[in-house]
Amino acid sequence: MTVQEIQSLLARELDGDEIQHTAAEWQKYPLQLSYRAYADGIAFLQRQYASYGLESELITFPADGKTTYADRHFPLAWDV
């Protein structure tokens, strides 16, 4: 596929208004700066992937100060 074909495909398939709406919906999660909001944001993304027909696995992580996944260390949660 050429660059022009890819650009044409994207222009046909993507809706800028939908992208902005989804980004605005997702933005509220990281802005809350809490472990609960982080988990809710990941669940939101999983639902979005499913709505596009993609399969994903939701993995929850304890904020125990010990758990490490890939390069991410999950420190103790201070959320009330």
PDB file of N, CA and C in Angstrom:
ATOM      1  N   MET A   1       0.848  -1.179   0.000  1.00  0.00           N
ATOM      2  CA  MET A   1       0.000   0.000   0.000  1.00  0.00           C
ATOM      3  C   MET A   1       0.892   1.239   0.000  1.00  0.00           C
ATOM      4  N   THR A   2       0.545   2.198  -0.800  1.00  0.00           N
ATOM      5  CA  THR A   2       1.327   3.433  -0.856  1.00  0.00           C
ATOM      6  C   THR A   2       0.873   4.392   0.238  1.00  0.00           C
ATOM      7  N   VAL A   3       1.682   5.396   0.463  1.00  0.00           N
ATOM      8  CA  VAL A   3       1.340   6.419   1.469  1.00  0.00           C
ATOM      9  C   VAL A   3       0.031   7.099   1.084  1.00  0.00           C
ATOM     10  N   GLN A   4      -0.145   7.388  -0.192  1.00  0.00           N
ATOM     11  CA  GLN A   4      -1.368   8.046  -0.650  1.00  0.00           C
ATOM     12  C   GLN A   4      -2.589   7.157  -0.423  1.00  0.00           C
ATOM     13  N   GLU A   5      -2.447   5.848  -0.636  1.00  0.00           N
ATOM     14  CA  GLU A   5      -3.557   4.930  -0.402  1.00  0.00           C
ATOM     15  C   GLU A   5      -3.912   4.863   1.082  1.00  0.00           C
ATOM     16  N   ILE A   6      -2.898   4.861   1.923  1.00  0.00           N
ATOM     17  CA  ILE A   6      -3.134   4.849   3.368  1.00  0.00           C
ATOM     18  C   ILE A   6      -3.821   6.136   3.807  1.00  0.00           C
ATOM     19  N   GLN A   7      -3.347   7.272   3.308  1.00  0.00           N
ATOM     20  CA  GLN A   7      -3.965   8.555   3.656  1.00  0.00           C
ATOM     21  C   GLN A   7      -5.409   8.609   3.192  1.00  0.00           C
ATOM     22  N   SER A   8      -5.686   8.089   2.019  1.00  0.00           N
ATOM     23  CA  SER A   8      -7.047   8.061   1.492  1.00  0.00           C
ATOM     24  C   SER A   8      -7.944   7.174   2.358  1.00  0.00           C
ATOM     25  N   LEU A   9      -7.426   6.024   2.747  1.00  0.00           N
ATOM     26  CA  LEU A   9      -8.169   5.112   3.610  1.00  0.00           C
ATOM     27  C   LEU A   9      -8.494   5.770   4.946  1.00  0.00           C
ATOM     28  N   LEU A  10      -7.509   6.416   5.541  1.00  0.00           N
ATOM     29  CA  LEU A  10      -7.726   7.095   6.813  1.00  0.00           C
ATOM     30  C   LEU A  10      -8.749   8.212   6.677  1.00  0.00           C
ATOM     31  N   ALA A  11      -8.668   8.995   5.604  1.00  0.00           N
ATOM     32  CA  ALA A  11      -9.609  10.097   5.386  1.00  0.00           C
ATOM     33  C   ALA A  11     -11.043   9.571   5.258  1.00  0.00           C
ATOM     34  N   ARG A  12     -11.214   8.396   4.660  1.00  0.00           N
ATOM     35  CA  ARG A  12     -12.550   7.814   4.503  1.00  0.00           C
ATOM     36  C   ARG A  12     -13.083   7.234   5.806  1.00  0.00           C
ATOM     37  N   GLU A  13     -12.214   6.659   6.610  1.00  0.00           N
ATOM     38  CA  GLU A  13     -12.643   5.891   7.772  1.00  0.00           C
ATOM     39  C   GLU A  13     -12.682   6.678   9.081  1.00  0.00           C
ATOM     40  N   LEU A  14     -11.905   7.727   9.196  1.00  0.00           N
ATOM     41  CA  LEU A  14     -11.822   8.461  10.456  1.00  0.00           C
ATOM     42  C   LEU A  14     -12.768   9.651  10.463  1.00  0.00           C
ATOM     43  N   ASP A  15     -13.361   9.883  11.620  1.00  0.00           N
ATOM     44  CA  ASP A  15     -14.276  11.007  11.817  1.00  0.00           C
ATOM     45  C   ASP A  15     -13.660  11.914  12.878  1.00  0.00           C
ATOM     46  N   GLY A  16     -13.219  13.081  12.472  1.00  0.00           N
ATOM     47  CA  GLY A  16     -12.552  14.014  13.383  1.00  0.00           C
ATOM     48  C   GLY A  16     -13.393  14.381  14.587  1.00  0.00           C
ATOM     49  N   ASP A  17     -14.698  14.567  14.386  1.00  0.00           N
ATOM     50  CA  ASP A  17     -15.581  14.908  15.505  1.00  0.00           C
ATOM     51  C   ASP A  17     -15.658  13.760  16.510  1.00  0.00           C
ATOM     52  N   GLU A  18     -15.737  12.534  15.990  1.00  0.00           N
ATOM     53  CA  GLU A  18     -15.783  11.371  16.878  1.00  0.00           C
ATOM     54  C   GLU A  18     -14.470  11.225  17.650  1.00  0.00           C
ATOM     55  N   ILE A  19     -13.375  11.468  16.983  1.00  0.00           N
ATOM     56  CA  ILE A  19     -12.061  11.386  17.635  1.00  0.00           C
ATOM     57  C   ILE A  19     -11.970  12.406  18.767  1.00  0.00           C
ATOM     58  N   GLN A  20     -12.394  13.633  18.519  1.00  0.00           N
ATOM     59  CA  GLN A  20     -12.342  14.674  19.549  1.00  0.00           C
ATOM     60  C   GLN A  20     -13.267  14.333  20.710  1.00  0.00           C
ATOM     61  N   HIS A  21     -14.448  13.806  20.414  1.00  0.00           N
ATOM     62  CA  HIS A  21     -15.396  13.433  21.470  1.00  0.00           C
ATOM     63  C   HIS A  21     -14.813  12.328  22.345  1.00  0.00           C
ATOM     64  N   THR A  22     -14.236  11.306  21.718  1.00  0.00           N
ATOM     65  CA  THR A  22     -13.649  10.191  22.473  1.00  0.00           C
ATOM     66  C   THR A  22     -12.469  10.668  23.309  1.00  0.00           C
ATOM     67  N   ALA A  23     -11.633  11.533  22.734  1.00  0.00           N
ATOM     68  CA  ALA A  23     -10.488  12.066  23.476  1.00  0.00           C
ATOM     69  C   ALA A  23     -10.952  12.880  24.681  1.00  0.00           C
ATOM     70  N   ALA A  24     -12.008  13.656  24.519  1.00  0.00           N
ATOM     71  CA  ALA A  24     -12.542  14.446  25.636  1.00  0.00           C
ATOM     72  C   ALA A  24     -13.118  13.536  26.723  1.00  0.00           C
ATOM     73  N   GLU A  25     -13.776  12.450  26.312  1.00  0.00           N
ATOM     74  CA  GLU A  25     -14.301  11.490  27.305  1.00  0.00           C
ATOM     75  C   GLU A  25     -13.161  10.839  28.080  1.00  0.00           C
ATOM     76  N   TRP A  26     -12.103  10.446  27.389  1.00  0.00           N
ATOM     77  CA  TRP A  26     -10.981   9.756  28.031  1.00  0.00           C
ATOM     78  C   TRP A  26     -10.171  10.708  28.917  1.00  0.00           C
ATOM     79  N   GLN A  27     -10.052  11.958  28.531  1.00  0.00           N
ATOM     80  CA  GLN A  27      -9.188  12.918  29.230  1.00  0.00           C
ATOM     81  C   GLN A  27      -9.524  13.058  30.708  1.00  0.00           C
ATOM     82  N   LYS A  28     -10.766  12.865  31.075  1.00  0.00           N
ATOM     83  CA  LYS A  28     -11.154  13.037  32.481  1.00  0.00           C
ATOM     84  C   LYS A  28     -10.473  12.024  33.397  1.00  0.00           C
ATOM     85  N   TYR A  29     -10.092  10.874  32.875  1.00  0.00           N
ATOM     86  CA  TYR A  29      -9.481   9.842  33.725  1.00  0.00           C
ATOM     87  C   TYR A  29      -8.074  10.220  34.187  1.00  0.00           C
ATOM     88  N   PRO A  30      -7.140  10.525  33.281  1.00  0.00           N
ATOM     89  CA  PRO A  30      -5.797  10.860  33.774  1.00  0.00           C
ATOM     90  C   PRO A  30      -5.756  12.178  34.553  1.00  0.00           C
ATOM     91  N   LEU A  31      -6.710  13.058  34.334  1.00  0.00           N
ATOM     92  CA  LEU A  31      -6.713  14.332  35.047  1.00  0.00           C
ATOM     93  C   LEU A  31      -7.061  14.171  36.529  1.00  0.00           C
ATOM     94  N   GLN A  32      -7.658  13.040  36.905  1.00  0.00           N
ATOM     95  CA  GLN A  32      -8.048  12.829  38.298  1.00  0.00           C
ATOM     96  C   GLN A  32      -6.882  12.399  39.184  1.00  0.00           C
ATOM     97  N   LEU A  33      -5.808  11.913  38.585  1.00  0.00           N
ATOM     98  CA  LEU A  33      -4.591  11.551  39.313  1.00  0.00           C
ATOM     99  C   LEU A  33      -4.846  10.601  40.483  1.00  0.00           C
ATOM    100  N   SER A  34      -5.596   9.539  40.230  1.00  0.00           N
ATOM    101  CA  SER A  34      -5.817   8.546  41.271  1.00  0.00           C
ATOM    102  C   SER A  34      -5.715   7.155  40.658  1.00  0.00           C
ATOM    103  N   TYR A  35      -5.477   6.168  41.497  1.00  0.00           N
ATOM    104  CA  TYR A  35      -5.407   4.803  40.993  1.00  0.00           C
ATOM    105  C   TYR A  35      -6.764   4.343  40.485  1.00  0.00           C
ATOM    106  N   ARG A  36      -7.830   4.741  41.145  1.00  0.00           N
ATOM    107  CA  ARG A  36      -9.176   4.380  40.696  1.00  0.00           C
ATOM    108  C   ARG A  36      -9.434   4.967  39.314  1.00  0.00           C
ATOM    109  N   ALA A  37      -9.068   6.232  39.112  1.00  0.00           N
ATOM    110  CA  ALA A  37      -9.263   6.872  37.813  1.00  0.00           C
ATOM    111  C   ALA A  37      -8.407   6.196  36.747  1.00  0.00           C
ATOM    112  N   TYR A  38      -7.189   5.790  37.117  1.00  0.00           N
ATOM    113  CA  TYR A  38      -6.320   5.072  36.193  1.00  0.00           C
ATOM    114  C   TYR A  38      -6.996   3.773  35.749  1.00  0.00           C
ATOM    115  N   ALA A  39      -7.518   3.008  36.690  1.00  0.00           N
ATOM    116  CA  ALA A  39      -8.202   1.750  36.377  1.00  0.00           C
ATOM    117  C   ALA A  39      -9.451   1.998  35.542  1.00  0.00           C
ATOM    118  N   ASP A  40     -10.214   3.029  35.886  1.00  0.00           N
ATOM    119  CA  ASP A  40     -11.418   3.363  35.119  1.00  0.00           C
ATOM    120  C   ASP A  40     -11.052   3.771  33.692  1.00  0.00           C
ATOM    121  N   GLY A  41      -9.956   4.505  33.545  1.00  0.00           N
ATOM    122  CA  GLY A  41      -9.507   4.917  32.214  1.00  0.00           C
ATOM    123  C   GLY A  41      -9.098   3.733  31.360  1.00  0.00           C
ATOM    124  N   ILE A  42      -8.404   2.770  31.960  1.00  0.00           N
ATOM    125  CA  ILE A  42      -8.021   1.572  31.224  1.00  0.00           C
ATOM    126  C   ILE A  42      -9.263   0.777  30.819  1.00  0.00           C
ATOM    127  N   ALA A  43     -10.253   0.674  31.704  1.00  0.00           N
ATOM    128  CA  ALA A  43     -11.506  -0.015  31.381  1.00  0.00           C
ATOM    129  C   ALA A  43     -12.238   0.714  30.247  1.00  0.00           C
ATOM    130  N   PHE A  44     -12.207   2.046  30.260  1.00  0.00           N
ATOM    131  CA  PHE A  44     -12.805   2.840  29.186  1.00  0.00           C
ATOM    132  C   PHE A  44     -12.139   2.504  27.854  1.00  0.00           C
ATOM    133  N   LEU A  45     -10.799   2.451  27.858  1.00  0.00           N
ATOM    134  CA  LEU A  45     -10.085   2.128  26.619  1.00  0.00           C
ATOM    135  C   LEU A  45     -10.421   0.719  26.138  1.00  0.00           C
ATOM    136  N   GLN A  46     -10.555  -0.216  27.062  1.00  0.00           N
ATOM    137  CA  GLN A  46     -10.918  -1.577  26.661  1.00  0.00           C
ATOM    138  C   GLN A  46     -12.295  -1.592  26.001  1.00  0.00           C
ATOM    139  N   ARG A  47     -13.240  -0.852  26.545  1.00  0.00           N
ATOM    140  CA  ARG A  47     -14.574  -0.774  25.931  1.00  0.00           C
ATOM    141  C   ARG A  47     -14.494  -0.149  24.538  1.00  0.00           C
ATOM    142  N   GLN A  48     -13.650   0.864  24.389  1.00  0.00           N
ATOM    143  CA  GLN A  48     -13.478   1.482  23.076  1.00  0.00           C
ATOM    144  C   GLN A  48     -12.921   0.474  22.076  1.00  0.00           C
ATOM    145  N   TYR A  49     -11.891  -0.268  22.485  1.00  0.00           N
ATOM    146  CA  TYR A  49     -11.312  -1.283  21.604  1.00  0.00           C
ATOM    147  C   TYR A  49     -12.381  -2.296  21.194  1.00  0.00           C
ATOM    148  N   ALA A  50     -13.185  -2.743  22.154  1.00  0.00           N
ATOM    149  CA  ALA A  50     -14.235  -3.720  21.860  1.00  0.00           C
ATOM    150  C   ALA A  50     -15.247  -3.152  20.865  1.00  0.00           C
ATOM    151  N   SER A  51     -15.561  -1.866  20.996  1.00  0.00           N
ATOM    152  CA  SER A  51     -16.526  -1.255  20.073  1.00  0.00           C
ATOM    153  C   SER A  51     -15.981  -1.192  18.648  1.00  0.00           C
ATOM    154  N   TYR A  52     -14.664  -1.283  18.496  1.00  0.00           N
ATOM    155  CA  TYR A  52     -14.025  -1.303  17.174  1.00  0.00           C
ATOM    156  C   TYR A  52     -13.789  -2.735  16.698  1.00  0.00           C
ATOM    157  N   GLY A  53     -14.244  -3.717  17.487  1.00  0.00           N
ATOM    158  CA  GLY A  53     -14.078  -5.102  17.110  1.00  0.00           C
ATOM    159  C   GLY A  53     -12.728  -5.688  17.488  1.00  0.00           C
ATOM    160  N   LEU A  54     -11.994  -5.006  18.354  1.00  0.00           N
ATOM    161  CA  LEU A  54     -10.683  -5.484  18.782  1.00  0.00           C
ATOM    162  C   LEU A  54     -10.809  -6.238  20.098  1.00  0.00           C
ATOM    163  N   GLU A  55      -9.993  -7.246  20.263  1.00  0.00           N
ATOM    164  CA  GLU A  55      -9.969  -7.993  21.512  1.00  0.00           C
ATOM    165  C   GLU A  55      -8.858  -7.443  22.397  1.00  0.00           C
ATOM    166  N   SER A  56      -9.141  -7.329  23.671  1.00  0.00           N
ATOM    167  CA  SER A  56      -8.125  -6.889  24.625  1.00  0.00           C
ATOM    168  C   SER A  56      -8.406  -7.551  25.963  1.00  0.00           C
ATOM    169  N   GLU A  57      -7.385  -7.605  26.772  1.00  0.00           N
ATOM    170  CA  GLU A  57      -7.517  -8.195  28.100  1.00  0.00           C
ATOM    171  C   GLU A  57      -7.293  -7.112  29.139  1.00  0.00           C
ATOM    172  N   LEU A  58      -8.212  -6.999  30.061  1.00  0.00           N
ATOM    173  CA  LEU A  58      -8.098  -6.022  31.128  1.00  0.00           C
ATOM    174  C   LEU A  58      -7.373  -6.668  32.304  1.00  0.00           C
ATOM    175  N   ILE A  59      -6.232  -6.127  32.651  1.00  0.00           N
ATOM    176  CA  ILE A  59      -5.448  -6.635  33.773  1.00  0.00           C
ATOM    177  C   ILE A  59      -5.433  -5.562  34.847  1.00  0.00           C
ATOM    178  N   THR A  60      -5.873  -5.906  36.038  1.00  0.00           N
ATOM    179  CA  THR A  60      -5.849  -4.937  37.125  1.00  0.00           C
ATOM    180  C   THR A  60      -4.592  -5.159  37.956  1.00  0.00           C
ATOM    181  N   PHE A  61      -4.037  -4.088  38.442  1.00  0.00           N
ATOM    182  CA  PHE A  61      -2.806  -4.145  39.201  1.00  0.00           C
ATOM    183  C   PHE A  61      -3.043  -3.628  40.613  1.00  0.00           C
ATOM    184  N   PRO A  62      -2.532  -4.320  41.594  1.00  0.00           N
ATOM    185  CA  PRO A  62      -2.649  -3.795  42.955  1.00  0.00           C
ATOM    186  C   PRO A  62      -1.645  -2.659  43.163  1.00  0.00           C
ATOM    187  N   ALA A  63      -2.080  -1.640  43.843  1.00  0.00           N
ATOM    188  CA  ALA A  63      -1.179  -0.527  44.183  1.00  0.00           C
ATOM    189  C   ALA A  63      -0.538  -0.864  45.519  1.00  0.00           C
ATOM    190  N   ASP A  64       0.295  -1.906  45.506  1.00  0.00           N
ATOM    191  CA  ASP A  64       0.866  -2.429  46.735  1.00  0.00           C
ATOM    192  C   ASP A  64       2.322  -2.034  46.964  1.00  0.00           C
ATOM    193  N   GLY A  65       2.883  -1.274  46.046  1.00  0.00           N
ATOM    194  CA  GLY A  65       4.274  -0.857  46.193  1.00  0.00           C
ATOM    195  C   GLY A  65       5.265  -1.922  45.772  1.00  0.00           C
ATOM    196  N   LYS A  66       4.789  -3.078  45.318  1.00  0.00           N
ATOM    197  CA  LYS A  66       5.676  -4.181  44.941  1.00  0.00           C
ATOM    198  C   LYS A  66       5.494  -4.623  43.497  1.00  0.00           C
ATOM    199  N   THR A  67       4.296  -4.464  42.982  1.00  0.00           N
ATOM    200  CA  THR A  67       3.977  -4.998  41.664  1.00  0.00           C
ATOM    201  C   THR A  67       4.675  -4.204  40.564  1.00  0.00           C
ATOM    202  N   THR A  68       5.294  -4.929  39.645  1.00  0.00           N
ATOM    203  CA  THR A  68       5.922  -4.333  38.471  1.00  0.00           C
ATOM    204  C   THR A  68       5.411  -5.081  37.249  1.00  0.00           C
ATOM    205  N   TYR A  69       5.018  -4.346  36.240  1.00  0.00           N
ATOM    206  CA  TYR A  69       4.570  -4.939  34.986  1.00  0.00           C
ATOM    207  C   TYR A  69       5.267  -4.212  33.859  1.00  0.00           C
ATOM    208  N   ALA A  70       5.975  -4.978  33.006  1.00  0.00           N
ATOM    209  CA  ALA A  70       6.789  -4.393  31.938  1.00  0.00           C
ATOM    210  C   ALA A  70       7.759  -3.410  32.593  1.00  0.00           C
ATOM    211  N   ASP A  71       7.700  -2.143  32.242  1.00  0.00           N
ATOM    212  CA  ASP A  71       8.608  -1.167  32.847  1.00  0.00           C
ATOM    213  C   ASP A  71       7.889  -0.260  33.833  1.00  0.00           C
ATOM    214  N   ARG A  72       6.666  -0.625  34.185  1.00  0.00           N
ATOM    215  CA  ARG A  72       5.853   0.224  35.072  1.00  0.00           C
ATOM    216  C   ARG A  72       5.860  -0.338  36.488  1.00  0.00           C
ATOM    217  N   HIS A  73       6.279   0.481  37.443  1.00  0.00           N
ATOM    218  CA  HIS A  73       6.245   0.101  38.855  1.00  0.00           C
ATOM    219  C   HIS A  73       5.009   0.731  39.470  1.00  0.00           C
ATOM    220  N   PHE A  74       4.232  -0.051  40.180  1.00  0.00           N
ATOM    221  CA  PHE A  74       3.012   0.453  40.797  1.00  0.00           C
ATOM    222  C   PHE A  74       3.267   0.728  42.273  1.00  0.00           C
ATOM    223  N   PRO A  75       3.532   1.982  42.625  1.00  0.00           N
ATOM    224  CA  PRO A  75       3.819   2.311  44.018  1.00  0.00           C
ATOM    225  C   PRO A  75       2.582   2.198  44.895  1.00  0.00           C
ATOM    226  N   LEU A  76       2.782   2.354  46.164  1.00  0.00           N
ATOM    227  CA  LEU A  76       1.657   2.329  47.098  1.00  0.00           C
ATOM    228  C   LEU A  76       0.640   3.393  46.727  1.00  0.00           C
ATOM    229  N   ALA A  77      -0.623   3.026  46.799  1.00  0.00           N
ATOM    230  CA  ALA A  77      -1.688   3.997  46.524  1.00  0.00           C
ATOM    231  C   ALA A  77      -1.995   4.771  47.789  1.00  0.00           C
ATOM    232  N   TRP A  78      -2.148   6.065  47.628  1.00  0.00           N
ATOM    233  CA  TRP A  78      -2.516   6.897  48.764  1.00  0.00           C
ATOM    234  C   TRP A  78      -3.947   7.413  48.600  1.00  0.00           C
ATOM    235  N   ASP A  79      -4.667   6.829  47.624  1.00  0.00           N
ATOM    236  CA  ASP A  79      -6.064   7.205  47.436  1.00  0.00           C
ATOM    237  C   ASP A  79      -6.868   6.834  48.660  1.00  0.00           C
ATOM    238  N   VAL A  80      -7.770   7.699  49.016  1.00  0.00           N
ATOM    239  CA  VAL A  80      -8.646   7.401  50.146  1.00  0.00           C
ATOM    240  C   VAL A  80      -9.776   6.520  49.663  1.00  0.00           C
TER     241      VAL A  80
END
